[in-house]
Amino acid sequence: MILLAAAIVGSWIAWRIWRFTILPILKPNEVKELPYWIPFLGHAIALYRDIDGTVSYGREYFGNTRETFSLTVAGQKIYIMTSATNVSAILNNSQTFDNSKPKKFLMRRFGVSKEALKTLYGQALTSPPDEKTLESNPLSRHITTPSERLLNQQLNPGKIYNDFEAVCLSALEERLRWDTMYPKAVLSSNGTKSAERTVSLFKLARQTLVESTTIALFGPVMLKICPDFVDNYLQFDDNIQMFLQKVPSPWTSTVEASVQRLHKSIGSYFELPKEKRSGAAWLVTSLETDLRTRGIQTRDIVGWFVMIYWGMNTNNWRLGFWLSAYVVHDQKLLATVREEITPFMQDSTPLSSLNGHLKRCKHLNSVFNEVLRLVDSPISIRESTCAQTSALGEPLPAGATVMLVNRQLLLDENTWGPDAKTFNHERFLHNEGLLRSKSFTPFGGGHLLCPGRFMAKAEVMVFLALLIHRFDIIATSSFPRLDTKSGAGVGILGVKDDDDSVLLLSRRAKG
């Protein structure tokens, strides 16, 4: 027994010396590998628990040079890029870096069958019902499925987008009035006629923004036939990391049940005659028509729309929460932003026009960009289609899996200064050139620049503007902490340990 243990330990020591001492000497030009203790498993557990922390450790382990390094995860080598030069080059290269595998994985995870993917990939988009309504899209040559093409048409500026935005902002405005505010967000009050109430900003932001997007996408009928639709979605979204990482049962029973309820609700929606689905977004009618024309089954169409609905919602409400929290927890900043937006907050101002005015508010936009920089944590996965070198000259073999860790760029002290991890609401106000920095990539870049960026900004800016214009606000809780672990890699980070921003509201304007 002792000899066996000694043999195992000896083999492990030999493996470790060979892998992390001798091999790097024999192959000095290859990308360096971050050492690990357990063969095959590698950094899998560390990466699951804390993506950003693991990547930061690796970057600092190699001297903070931002050179590419590799991690081993369950036997697979992943090349980690934290250099703005490398990341920018890959985001703009769709020829030799492919992202179809992660996209197909996501579609399969949301319930789109292999047969449907086989039918759709590589086929040209059929003509939508109303060809004249299409706006030109210079990125369309990179889009490989009807879902992507039509989603870009819906969410990029133009008539189709304007109609969608108008419905969404109208629904948002209706839900941000004193008498129609989400009841569960009100923690204490003396009734609807009360002059003051205590409110959970977390609950108010996510319910208001998700309901508004739901109505804009599916029309009012979805919430009529499935009153708990938004609640089911939020339960699913709270556990999205486990769902995407395919954590096995029984740990995922709650999230799997909630996603099945979403499938059932959207399935019931598509069973309705089209005349009973009035108010649906152009995307819904166009994509459904195109998919059915191709012979795609209803269950696959449902899976597609569950994924689209999640993509439209998961980041917006979190961003709305953080933007509002940073403003209302600083009374001086609150006064500055309120003064800046007041000239545009007339009752007769259409909400889409209000959004246009807000885009020109320099303090507000500086705050928006700074909050986005601090709370965003997107990750992109690419596969090298051939042996090549990175922009910094590092060799990458054919088939290499490359991970682009954008949060490492958003907090890079070389770009943002020694206070990179600190909120500075004037950072972009005094240096608008930072918006064009290769390190500012909150929405990705290149041909995969997030199409939802226009809608996300419109929603959260109008949400904040209406909130601080209609109500006097005093933050009565400490500032919520950012959870940099459980949501890293998906997009906008959530709050840590159920933190909240508790607000004392009183009426100050009509609403």
Protein backbone atom coordinates (compact mmCIF):
# COMPACT_ATOMS: atom_id res chain seq x y z
CA MET A 1 0.00 0.00 0.00
CA ILE A 2 2.84 2.35 0.91
CA LEU A 3 4.65 1.46 -2.31
CA LEU A 4 1.49 2.16 -4.33
CA ALA A 5 1.04 5.53 -2.68
CA ALA A 6 4.69 6.34 -3.26
CA ALA A 7 4.37 5.36 -6.92
CA ILE A 8 1.31 7.58 -7.37
CA VAL A 9 3.01 10.55 -5.70
CA GLY A 10 6.16 9.96 -7.73
CA SER A 11 4.20 9.81 -10.97
CA TRP A 12 2.35 12.99 -10.08
CA ILE A 13 5.60 14.83 -9.30
CA ALA A 14 7.13 13.61 -12.55
CA TRP A 15 4.05 14.73 -14.50
CA ARG A 16 4.10 18.15 -12.86
CA ILE A 17 7.80 18.73 -13.51
CA TRP A 18 7.48 17.57 -17.13
CA ARG A 19 4.34 19.57 -17.86
CA PHE A 20 5.17 22.89 -16.26
CA THR A 21 8.99 22.99 -16.11
CA ILE A 22 10.55 20.91 -18.89
CA LEU A 23 7.96 21.38 -21.68
CA PRO A 24 8.05 25.22 -21.48
CA ILE A 25 11.84 25.03 -21.88
CA LEU A 26 11.61 22.67 -24.86
CA LYS A 27 8.87 24.77 -26.52
CA PRO A 28 9.65 28.38 -25.54
CA ASN A 29 7.59 29.92 -28.34
CA GLU A 30 4.30 28.24 -27.42
CA VAL A 31 1.63 29.99 -25.38
CA LYS A 32 2.36 29.48 -21.68
CA GLU A 33 0.08 27.25 -19.64
CA LEU A 34 -1.08 28.19 -16.15
CA PRO A 35 0.01 25.36 -13.80
CA TYR A 36 -2.62 23.27 -12.03
CA TRP A 37 -2.62 20.46 -9.47
CA ILE A 38 -5.06 17.81 -10.68
CA PRO A 39 -4.42 16.18 -14.09
CA PHE A 40 -7.26 16.41 -16.62
CA LEU A 41 -9.53 18.42 -14.28
CA GLY A 42 -7.17 21.38 -14.37
CA HIS A 43 -8.83 24.72 -13.63
CA ALA A 44 -12.41 23.51 -14.14
CA ILE A 45 -13.57 24.04 -10.55
CA ALA A 46 -11.82 27.41 -10.18
CA LEU A 47 -13.25 28.65 -13.47
CA TYR A 48 -16.76 27.54 -12.51
CA ARG A 49 -16.57 29.27 -9.14
CA ASP A 50 -14.94 32.52 -10.26
CA ILE A 51 -14.14 33.12 -13.94
CA ASP A 52 -12.84 36.66 -13.51
CA GLY A 53 -10.81 35.81 -10.41
CA THR A 54 -9.19 32.82 -12.12
CA VAL A 55 -8.31 34.84 -15.21
CA SER A 56 -6.94 37.69 -13.08
CA TYR A 57 -4.78 35.21 -11.18
CA GLY A 58 -3.42 33.82 -14.46
CA ARG A 59 -2.72 37.27 -15.87
CA GLU A 60 -0.83 38.29 -12.74
CA TYR A 61 0.96 34.92 -12.55
CA PHE A 62 2.59 35.70 -15.89
CA GLY A 63 3.67 39.17 -14.80
CA ASN A 64 0.60 41.15 -15.87
CA THR A 65 2.00 41.44 -19.40
CA ARG A 66 -1.44 40.61 -20.85
CA GLU A 67 0.13 37.97 -23.04
CA THR A 68 -2.14 35.09 -24.02
CA PHE A 69 -1.98 32.11 -21.66
CA SER A 70 -3.83 28.82 -21.53
CA LEU A 71 -5.98 27.03 -18.96
CA THR A 72 -6.83 23.34 -18.92
CA VAL A 73 -10.50 22.64 -18.24
CA ALA A 74 -11.60 18.99 -18.11
CA GLY A 75 -8.84 17.99 -20.51
CA GLN A 76 -9.45 20.85 -22.94
CA LYS A 77 -6.96 23.65 -23.45
CA ILE A 78 -8.50 27.13 -23.56
CA TYR A 79 -6.48 30.14 -24.70
CA ILE A 80 -7.21 33.20 -22.56
CA MET A 81 -6.87 36.66 -24.06
CA THR A 82 -6.82 39.80 -21.90
CA SER A 83 -5.00 42.13 -24.31
CA ALA A 84 -7.12 44.83 -25.96
CA THR A 85 -5.02 44.45 -29.13
CA ASN A 86 -5.69 40.71 -29.34
CA VAL A 87 -9.37 40.96 -28.43
CA SER A 88 -10.06 43.75 -30.91
CA ALA A 89 -8.34 41.85 -33.73
CA ILE A 90 -10.36 38.69 -33.13
CA LEU A 91 -13.68 40.51 -32.75
CA ASN A 92 -13.09 41.96 -36.21
CA ASN A 93 -12.00 38.66 -37.76
CA SER A 94 -14.84 36.38 -38.82
CA GLN A 95 -12.75 34.53 -41.39
CA THR A 96 -10.29 32.59 -39.23
CA PHE A 97 -12.05 32.75 -35.86
CA ASP A 98 -15.42 31.01 -35.77
CA ASN A 99 -18.13 31.41 -33.13
CA SER A 100 -20.72 28.96 -34.47
CA LYS A 101 -20.07 26.28 -31.83
CA PRO A 102 -21.05 28.40 -28.80
CA LYS A 103 -24.06 29.75 -30.71
CA LYS A 104 -25.22 26.25 -31.58
CA PHE A 105 -24.64 25.12 -27.99
CA LEU A 106 -26.82 27.98 -26.76
CA MET A 107 -29.59 27.15 -29.20
CA ARG A 108 -29.50 23.48 -28.26
CA ARG A 109 -29.55 24.39 -24.56
CA PHE A 110 -32.71 26.44 -25.05
CA GLY A 111 -34.47 23.59 -26.82
CA VAL A 112 -33.75 23.97 -30.54
CA SER A 113 -33.29 20.47 -32.00
CA LYS A 114 -30.28 19.24 -33.97
CA GLU A 115 -32.56 18.71 -36.95
CA ALA A 116 -33.69 22.34 -36.88
CA LEU A 117 -30.12 23.60 -36.69
CA LYS A 118 -29.10 21.36 -39.57
CA THR A 119 -31.97 22.76 -41.62
CA LEU A 120 -31.20 26.38 -40.83
CA TYR A 121 -27.41 26.71 -40.88
CA GLY A 122 -26.07 27.49 -44.29
CA GLN A 123 -29.45 28.34 -45.80
CA ALA A 124 -30.30 31.80 -47.07
CA LEU A 125 -33.03 33.78 -45.36
CA THR A 126 -36.35 33.63 -47.15
CA SER A 127 -38.14 36.89 -47.85
CA PRO A 128 -40.02 38.20 -44.80
CA PRO A 129 -43.74 38.96 -45.08
CA ASP A 130 -43.20 42.63 -45.87
CA GLU A 131 -39.95 43.12 -47.76
CA LYS A 132 -40.45 46.89 -47.89
CA THR A 133 -40.17 47.21 -44.12
CA LEU A 134 -36.62 45.86 -44.06
CA GLU A 135 -33.91 48.37 -43.23
CA SER A 136 -30.44 47.90 -44.71
CA ASN A 137 -28.05 46.03 -42.43
CA PRO A 138 -24.34 46.17 -43.33
CA LEU A 139 -23.62 43.31 -40.93
CA SER A 140 -26.00 40.84 -42.56
CA ARG A 141 -23.32 39.10 -44.58
CA HIS A 142 -21.94 37.65 -41.34
CA ILE A 143 -25.29 36.34 -40.10
CA THR A 144 -26.02 32.67 -40.68
CA THR A 145 -29.54 32.05 -39.35
CA PRO A 146 -32.90 33.79 -39.82
CA SER A 147 -33.05 34.39 -36.09
CA GLU A 148 -29.88 36.48 -36.20
CA ARG A 149 -30.79 38.34 -39.36
CA LEU A 150 -34.29 39.28 -38.25
CA LEU A 151 -33.16 40.08 -34.70
CA ASN A 152 -30.68 42.57 -36.11
CA GLN A 153 -33.39 44.10 -38.28
CA GLN A 154 -35.65 44.46 -35.25
CA LEU A 155 -33.06 45.98 -32.92
CA ASN A 156 -31.04 48.24 -35.20
CA PRO A 157 -32.30 51.83 -35.69
CA GLY A 158 -34.99 52.25 -38.32
CA LYS A 159 -38.77 52.16 -38.56
CA ILE A 160 -39.04 48.59 -37.28
CA TYR A 161 -36.93 49.42 -34.26
CA ASN A 162 -38.72 52.72 -33.62
CA ASP A 163 -42.10 50.98 -33.44
CA PHE A 164 -40.71 48.41 -31.01
CA GLU A 165 -39.06 51.05 -28.83
CA ALA A 166 -42.26 53.13 -28.67
CA VAL A 167 -44.32 50.20 -27.35
CA CYS A 168 -41.64 49.23 -24.83
CA LEU A 169 -41.15 52.74 -23.43
CA SER A 170 -44.91 53.31 -23.23
CA ALA A 171 -45.33 50.13 -21.18
CA LEU A 172 -42.41 51.20 -18.98
CA GLU A 173 -43.91 54.63 -18.34
CA GLU A 174 -47.27 53.13 -17.36
CA ARG A 175 -45.56 50.91 -14.76
CA LEU A 176 -43.52 53.68 -13.22
CA ARG A 177 -46.44 55.69 -11.87
CA TRP A 178 -47.29 56.00 -8.20
CA ASP A 179 -50.62 54.20 -8.50
CA THR A 180 -49.48 51.42 -10.86
CA MET A 181 -46.07 50.63 -9.39
CA TYR A 182 -45.29 46.92 -8.96
CA PRO A 183 -46.93 46.06 -5.58
CA LYS A 184 -44.25 43.59 -4.46
CA ALA A 185 -41.60 46.30 -4.89
CA VAL A 186 -43.36 48.42 -2.26
CA LEU A 187 -41.92 47.30 1.08
CA SER A 188 -44.00 49.62 3.26
CA SER A 189 -46.68 52.24 2.68
CA ASN A 190 -49.80 53.70 4.22
CA GLY A 191 -51.81 52.96 1.09
CA THR A 192 -51.89 54.21 -2.49
CA LYS A 193 -52.73 57.74 -1.34
CA SER A 194 -49.79 57.83 1.06
CA ALA A 195 -47.25 60.62 0.56
CA GLU A 196 -44.31 58.27 1.09
CA ARG A 197 -43.41 54.64 0.53
CA THR A 198 -40.36 52.43 0.93
CA VAL A 199 -39.41 50.62 -2.26
CA SER A 200 -37.04 47.87 -3.35
CA LEU A 201 -35.18 49.25 -6.36
CA PHE A 202 -34.12 45.71 -7.28
CA LYS A 203 -37.70 44.45 -7.55
CA LEU A 204 -38.98 47.63 -9.16
CA ALA A 205 -36.31 47.71 -11.87
CA ARG A 206 -36.48 44.10 -12.93
CA GLN A 207 -40.27 43.75 -12.91
CA THR A 208 -40.84 47.06 -14.70
CA LEU A 209 -38.21 46.51 -17.39
CA VAL A 210 -38.97 42.82 -18.03
CA GLU A 211 -42.74 43.39 -18.23
CA SER A 212 -42.21 46.26 -20.66
CA THR A 213 -40.04 44.14 -22.95
CA THR A 214 -42.56 41.29 -22.75
CA ILE A 215 -45.37 43.54 -23.98
CA ALA A 216 -43.19 45.03 -26.72
CA LEU A 217 -42.23 41.58 -28.00
CA PHE A 218 -45.42 39.54 -27.63
CA GLY A 219 -48.08 42.21 -27.23
CA PRO A 220 -50.43 42.39 -24.21
CA VAL A 221 -51.89 38.93 -24.75
CA MET A 222 -48.93 37.05 -23.25
CA LEU A 223 -49.50 38.42 -19.76
CA LYS A 224 -53.23 37.79 -20.11
CA ILE A 225 -52.93 34.09 -20.96
CA CYS A 226 -49.92 33.56 -18.67
CA PRO A 227 -50.06 36.02 -15.75
CA ASP A 228 -47.03 34.39 -14.08
CA PHE A 229 -44.89 34.52 -17.24
CA VAL A 230 -42.52 37.21 -15.96
CA ASP A 231 -42.21 35.55 -12.54
CA ASN A 232 -41.25 32.26 -14.21
CA TYR A 233 -38.70 34.05 -16.35
CA LEU A 234 -37.12 35.82 -13.38
CA GLN A 235 -36.84 32.55 -11.47
CA PHE A 236 -35.07 31.11 -14.49
CA ASP A 237 -32.83 34.17 -14.90
CA ASP A 238 -31.79 34.03 -11.24
CA ASN A 239 -30.25 30.62 -11.93
CA ILE A 240 -29.02 31.19 -15.48
CA GLN A 241 -25.40 30.29 -14.72
CA MET A 242 -26.31 26.76 -13.63
CA PHE A 243 -28.52 26.35 -16.69
CA LEU A 244 -25.85 27.44 -19.16
CA GLN A 245 -23.17 25.35 -17.50
CA LYS A 246 -25.42 22.28 -17.52
CA VAL A 247 -25.07 21.59 -13.81
CA PRO A 248 -26.71 18.17 -13.26
CA SER A 249 -29.84 17.43 -11.25
CA PRO A 250 -30.93 17.74 -8.49
CA TRP A 251 -29.15 21.11 -8.20
CA THR A 252 -30.89 22.46 -11.30
CA SER A 253 -34.41 21.16 -10.72
CA THR A 254 -35.73 24.69 -10.04
CA VAL A 255 -34.20 26.28 -13.13
CA GLU A 256 -35.18 23.36 -15.38
CA ALA A 257 -38.77 23.57 -14.13
CA SER A 258 -38.91 27.32 -14.75
CA VAL A 259 -37.55 27.02 -18.30
CA GLN A 260 -40.10 24.32 -19.05
CA ARG A 261 -42.85 26.66 -17.87
CA LEU A 262 -41.49 29.31 -20.23
CA HIS A 263 -41.62 26.81 -23.09
CA LYS A 264 -45.19 25.93 -22.19
CA SER A 265 -46.27 29.59 -22.03
CA ILE A 266 -44.70 30.56 -25.35
CA GLY A 267 -46.08 27.36 -26.86
CA SER A 268 -49.57 28.37 -25.73
CA TYR A 269 -48.99 31.79 -27.25
CA PHE A 270 -48.17 30.34 -30.68
CA GLU A 271 -51.21 28.08 -30.52
CA LEU A 272 -53.42 31.17 -30.57
CA PRO A 273 -54.73 32.33 -33.96
CA LYS A 274 -52.63 35.21 -35.29
CA GLU A 275 -55.58 37.59 -35.09
CA LYS A 276 -55.59 37.08 -31.30
CA ARG A 277 -51.89 37.95 -31.07
CA SER A 278 -52.23 41.61 -32.00
CA GLY A 279 -49.46 43.90 -30.87
CA ALA A 280 -46.69 41.36 -31.46
CA ALA A 281 -43.36 42.77 -32.58
CA TRP A 282 -42.33 42.58 -36.23
CA LEU A 283 -39.66 40.05 -35.22
CA VAL A 284 -42.22 37.61 -33.83
CA THR A 285 -44.42 37.50 -36.92
CA SER A 286 -41.51 37.59 -39.39
CA LEU A 287 -39.41 34.92 -37.71
CA GLU A 288 -42.36 32.61 -37.11
CA THR A 289 -43.37 32.87 -40.77
CA ASP A 290 -39.84 32.21 -41.98
CA LEU A 291 -39.29 29.21 -39.71
CA ARG A 292 -42.62 27.61 -40.57
CA THR A 293 -41.85 28.11 -44.27
CA ARG A 294 -38.73 26.01 -43.74
CA GLY A 295 -40.70 23.27 -42.04
CA ILE A 296 -39.36 24.00 -38.56
CA GLN A 297 -41.55 22.44 -35.86
CA THR A 298 -43.39 24.51 -33.26
CA ARG A 299 -41.30 23.10 -30.41
CA ASP A 300 -38.15 24.45 -32.09
CA ILE A 301 -39.77 27.82 -32.76
CA VAL A 302 -40.67 27.98 -29.07
CA GLY A 303 -37.07 27.18 -28.08
CA TRP A 304 -35.85 29.95 -30.34
CA PHE A 305 -38.14 32.51 -28.74
CA VAL A 306 -37.27 31.44 -25.20
CA MET A 307 -33.64 32.16 -26.09
CA ILE A 308 -34.46 35.48 -27.76
CA TYR A 309 -36.63 36.55 -24.82
CA TRP A 310 -33.85 35.71 -22.38
CA GLY A 311 -31.30 37.60 -24.49
CA MET A 312 -33.50 40.70 -24.59
CA ASN A 313 -34.04 40.77 -20.83
CA THR A 314 -31.17 39.28 -18.86
CA ASN A 315 -28.86 42.31 -19.05
CA ASN A 316 -31.30 45.21 -19.39
CA TRP A 317 -32.96 45.03 -16.00
CA ARG A 318 -29.63 44.52 -14.21
CA LEU A 319 -28.15 47.53 -15.98
CA GLY A 320 -31.24 49.58 -15.12
CA PHE A 321 -30.85 48.63 -11.47
CA TRP A 322 -27.15 49.52 -11.28
CA LEU A 323 -27.50 52.79 -13.20
CA SER A 324 -30.30 53.92 -10.90
CA ALA A 325 -28.48 52.75 -7.76
CA TYR A 326 -25.31 54.67 -8.56
CA VAL A 327 -27.29 57.87 -9.15
CA VAL A 328 -29.73 57.76 -6.22
CA HIS A 329 -27.09 56.79 -3.66
CA ASP A 330 -25.21 60.03 -4.36
CA GLN A 331 -27.43 63.04 -3.63
CA LYS A 332 -25.07 65.46 -5.36
CA LEU A 333 -24.97 63.33 -8.51
CA LEU A 334 -28.74 62.85 -8.31
CA ALA A 335 -29.24 66.62 -8.25
CA THR A 336 -26.87 67.09 -11.21
CA VAL A 337 -28.57 64.50 -13.39
CA ARG A 338 -32.06 65.66 -12.40
CA GLU A 339 -31.22 69.25 -13.30
CA GLU A 340 -29.80 68.13 -16.65
CA ILE A 341 -32.88 66.15 -17.70
CA THR A 342 -35.58 68.48 -16.31
CA PRO A 343 -35.94 70.64 -19.48
CA PHE A 344 -36.97 67.54 -21.43
CA MET A 345 -39.39 66.05 -18.91
CA GLN A 346 -42.60 67.61 -20.20
CA ASP A 347 -45.80 65.56 -20.11
CA SER A 348 -46.34 66.27 -23.79
CA THR A 349 -42.92 64.96 -24.82
CA PRO A 350 -43.21 61.59 -26.64
CA LEU A 351 -41.09 58.95 -24.93
CA SER A 352 -39.06 58.25 -28.06
CA SER A 353 -38.29 61.97 -28.29
CA LEU A 354 -37.36 61.94 -24.61
CA ASN A 355 -34.91 59.13 -25.31
CA GLY A 356 -33.39 61.24 -28.08
CA HIS A 357 -32.97 64.18 -25.69
CA LEU A 358 -31.39 61.96 -23.03
CA LYS A 359 -28.72 60.85 -25.50
CA ARG A 360 -27.48 64.45 -25.50
CA CYS A 361 -27.28 64.80 -21.71
CA LYS A 362 -23.52 64.69 -21.14
CA HIS A 363 -23.52 64.00 -17.40
CA LEU A 364 -26.14 61.27 -17.72
CA ASN A 365 -24.31 59.58 -20.57
CA SER A 366 -21.02 59.73 -18.71
CA VAL A 367 -22.68 58.01 -15.76
CA PHE A 368 -24.24 55.41 -18.06
CA ASN A 369 -20.91 54.51 -19.67
CA GLU A 370 -19.06 54.40 -16.36
CA VAL A 371 -21.67 52.14 -14.75
CA LEU A 372 -21.64 49.90 -17.82
CA ARG A 373 -17.84 49.68 -17.61
CA LEU A 374 -17.91 48.68 -13.94
CA VAL A 375 -20.74 46.13 -13.91
CA ASP A 376 -20.32 44.36 -17.25
CA SER A 377 -18.60 40.98 -17.55
CA PRO A 378 -19.07 39.56 -21.05
CA ILE A 379 -17.04 36.66 -22.40
CA SER A 380 -16.74 35.58 -26.03
CA ILE A 381 -15.64 32.16 -27.25
CA ARG A 382 -14.03 31.63 -30.65
CA GLU A 383 -12.42 28.68 -32.43
CA SER A 384 -9.37 29.11 -34.61
CA THR A 385 -10.19 27.63 -38.02
CA CYS A 386 -6.51 27.28 -38.99
CA ALA A 387 -3.03 27.51 -37.50
CA GLN A 388 -2.28 31.21 -37.09
CA THR A 389 -0.82 33.83 -34.80
CA SER A 390 -2.55 36.37 -32.60
CA ALA A 391 -2.22 40.12 -33.16
CA LEU A 392 0.68 40.01 -30.69
CA GLY A 393 2.40 37.21 -32.60
CA GLU A 394 1.48 34.30 -30.32
CA PRO A 395 1.00 30.92 -32.08
CA LEU A 396 -2.49 29.42 -32.06
CA PRO A 397 -3.06 25.91 -33.45
CA ALA A 398 -5.97 25.01 -35.70
CA GLY A 399 -9.03 24.21 -33.62
CA ALA A 400 -7.81 26.25 -30.63
CA THR A 401 -10.58 27.44 -28.31
CA VAL A 402 -10.03 31.12 -27.53
CA MET A 403 -11.74 32.98 -24.68
CA LEU A 404 -11.98 36.77 -24.87
CA VAL A 405 -12.42 38.15 -21.36
CA ASN A 406 -13.79 41.66 -21.82
CA ARG A 407 -13.98 42.54 -18.12
CA GLN A 408 -10.19 42.39 -17.99
CA LEU A 409 -10.16 45.24 -20.53
CA LEU A 410 -12.88 47.25 -18.80
CA LEU A 411 -10.80 47.36 -15.60
CA ASP A 412 -7.35 47.72 -17.18
CA GLU A 413 -5.40 50.36 -15.24
CA ASN A 414 -3.24 51.09 -18.30
CA THR A 415 -6.35 52.50 -19.98
CA TRP A 416 -8.51 53.72 -17.12
CA GLY A 417 -5.89 54.79 -14.60
CA PRO A 418 -5.17 53.72 -11.01
CA ASP A 419 -8.84 54.21 -10.05
CA ALA A 420 -10.02 51.74 -12.73
CA LYS A 421 -12.06 49.74 -10.21
CA THR A 422 -13.67 52.84 -8.70
CA PHE A 423 -16.83 54.62 -9.87
CA ASN A 424 -15.96 58.00 -11.36
CA HIS A 425 -19.05 59.56 -12.93
CA GLU A 426 -16.96 62.20 -14.72
CA ARG A 427 -14.53 59.77 -16.35
CA PHE A 428 -16.20 59.86 -19.78
CA LEU A 429 -17.38 63.45 -19.34
CA HIS A 430 -13.83 64.78 -19.54
CA ASN A 431 -12.49 62.23 -22.02
CA GLU A 432 -15.00 61.13 -24.63
CA GLY A 433 -12.14 59.49 -26.52
CA LEU A 434 -12.40 56.62 -24.02
CA LEU A 435 -15.57 55.55 -25.83
CA ARG A 436 -13.39 54.65 -28.82
CA SER A 437 -10.78 52.81 -26.79
CA LYS A 438 -10.13 49.16 -27.66
CA SER A 439 -10.57 48.50 -23.95
CA PHE A 440 -14.16 49.75 -23.93
CA THR A 441 -16.03 46.75 -25.32
CA PRO A 442 -19.14 46.34 -23.12
CA PHE A 443 -21.24 45.25 -26.10
CA GLY A 444 -18.59 43.17 -27.83
CA GLY A 445 -17.29 44.34 -31.18
CA GLY A 446 -16.83 43.74 -34.86
CA HIS A 447 -19.60 41.97 -36.74
CA LEU A 448 -20.91 40.56 -33.46
CA LEU A 449 -21.55 43.91 -31.80
CA CYS A 450 -24.62 43.32 -29.63
CA PRO A 451 -27.74 44.33 -31.60
CA GLY A 452 -29.64 44.98 -28.36
CA ARG A 453 -27.40 47.86 -27.28
CA PHE A 454 -29.77 50.55 -28.58
CA MET A 455 -32.82 49.10 -26.83
CA ALA A 456 -30.90 48.47 -23.61
CA LYS A 457 -29.74 52.06 -23.37
CA ALA A 458 -33.16 53.47 -24.26
CA GLU A 459 -34.92 51.40 -21.60
CA VAL A 460 -32.55 52.07 -18.71
CA MET A 461 -32.08 55.77 -19.46
CA VAL A 462 -35.83 56.41 -19.65
CA PHE A 463 -36.38 54.27 -16.54
CA LEU A 464 -33.91 56.37 -14.55
CA ALA A 465 -35.19 59.67 -15.95
CA LEU A 466 -38.81 58.93 -15.04
CA LEU A 467 -37.81 57.60 -11.62
CA ILE A 468 -35.84 60.66 -10.52
CA HIS A 469 -38.20 63.16 -12.17
CA ARG A 470 -41.40 61.78 -10.68
CA PHE A 471 -40.16 61.02 -7.17
CA ASP A 472 -38.01 62.53 -4.47
CA ILE A 473 -35.65 59.76 -3.45
CA ILE A 474 -33.62 58.99 -0.36
CA ALA A 475 -31.53 55.81 -0.29
CA THR A 476 -32.03 54.23 3.15
CA SER A 477 -29.80 51.18 2.69
CA SER A 478 -26.09 50.83 2.10
CA PHE A 479 -24.94 50.60 -1.50
CA PRO A 480 -25.45 47.07 -2.90
CA ARG A 481 -22.37 44.95 -3.52
CA LEU A 482 -21.50 43.61 -6.95
CA ASP A 483 -21.38 39.83 -7.35
CA THR A 484 -18.33 39.28 -9.54
CA LYS A 485 -18.53 35.48 -9.40
CA SER A 486 -21.90 33.85 -10.00
CA GLY A 487 -22.89 35.85 -13.08
CA ALA A 488 -19.51 36.46 -14.66
CA GLY A 489 -19.33 35.73 -18.35
CA VAL A 490 -23.03 36.18 -19.11
CA GLY A 491 -23.09 39.99 -19.18
CA ILE A 492 -24.23 42.49 -16.56
CA LEU A 493 -23.39 41.27 -13.07
CA GLY A 494 -25.97 40.93 -10.31
CA VAL A 495 -25.99 41.81 -6.63
CA LYS A 496 -24.13 39.85 -3.98
CA ASP A 497 -25.99 37.87 -1.31
CA ASP A 498 -29.42 39.32 -2.13
CA ASP A 499 -28.29 42.89 -1.52
CA ASP A 500 -30.74 45.61 -2.52
CA SER A 501 -31.07 49.35 -2.81
CA VAL A 502 -33.94 50.37 -0.52
CA LEU A 503 -35.42 53.76 -1.35
CA LEU A 504 -37.79 56.15 0.39
CA LEU A 505 -39.97 57.66 -2.34
CA SER A 506 -42.33 60.61 -2.26
CA ARG A 507 -44.17 62.24 -5.14
CA ARG A 508 -42.62 65.29 -6.73
CA ALA A 509 -44.26 65.38 -10.18
CA LYS A 510 -47.20 63.97 -12.05
CA GLY A 511 -46.88 60.23 -12.39
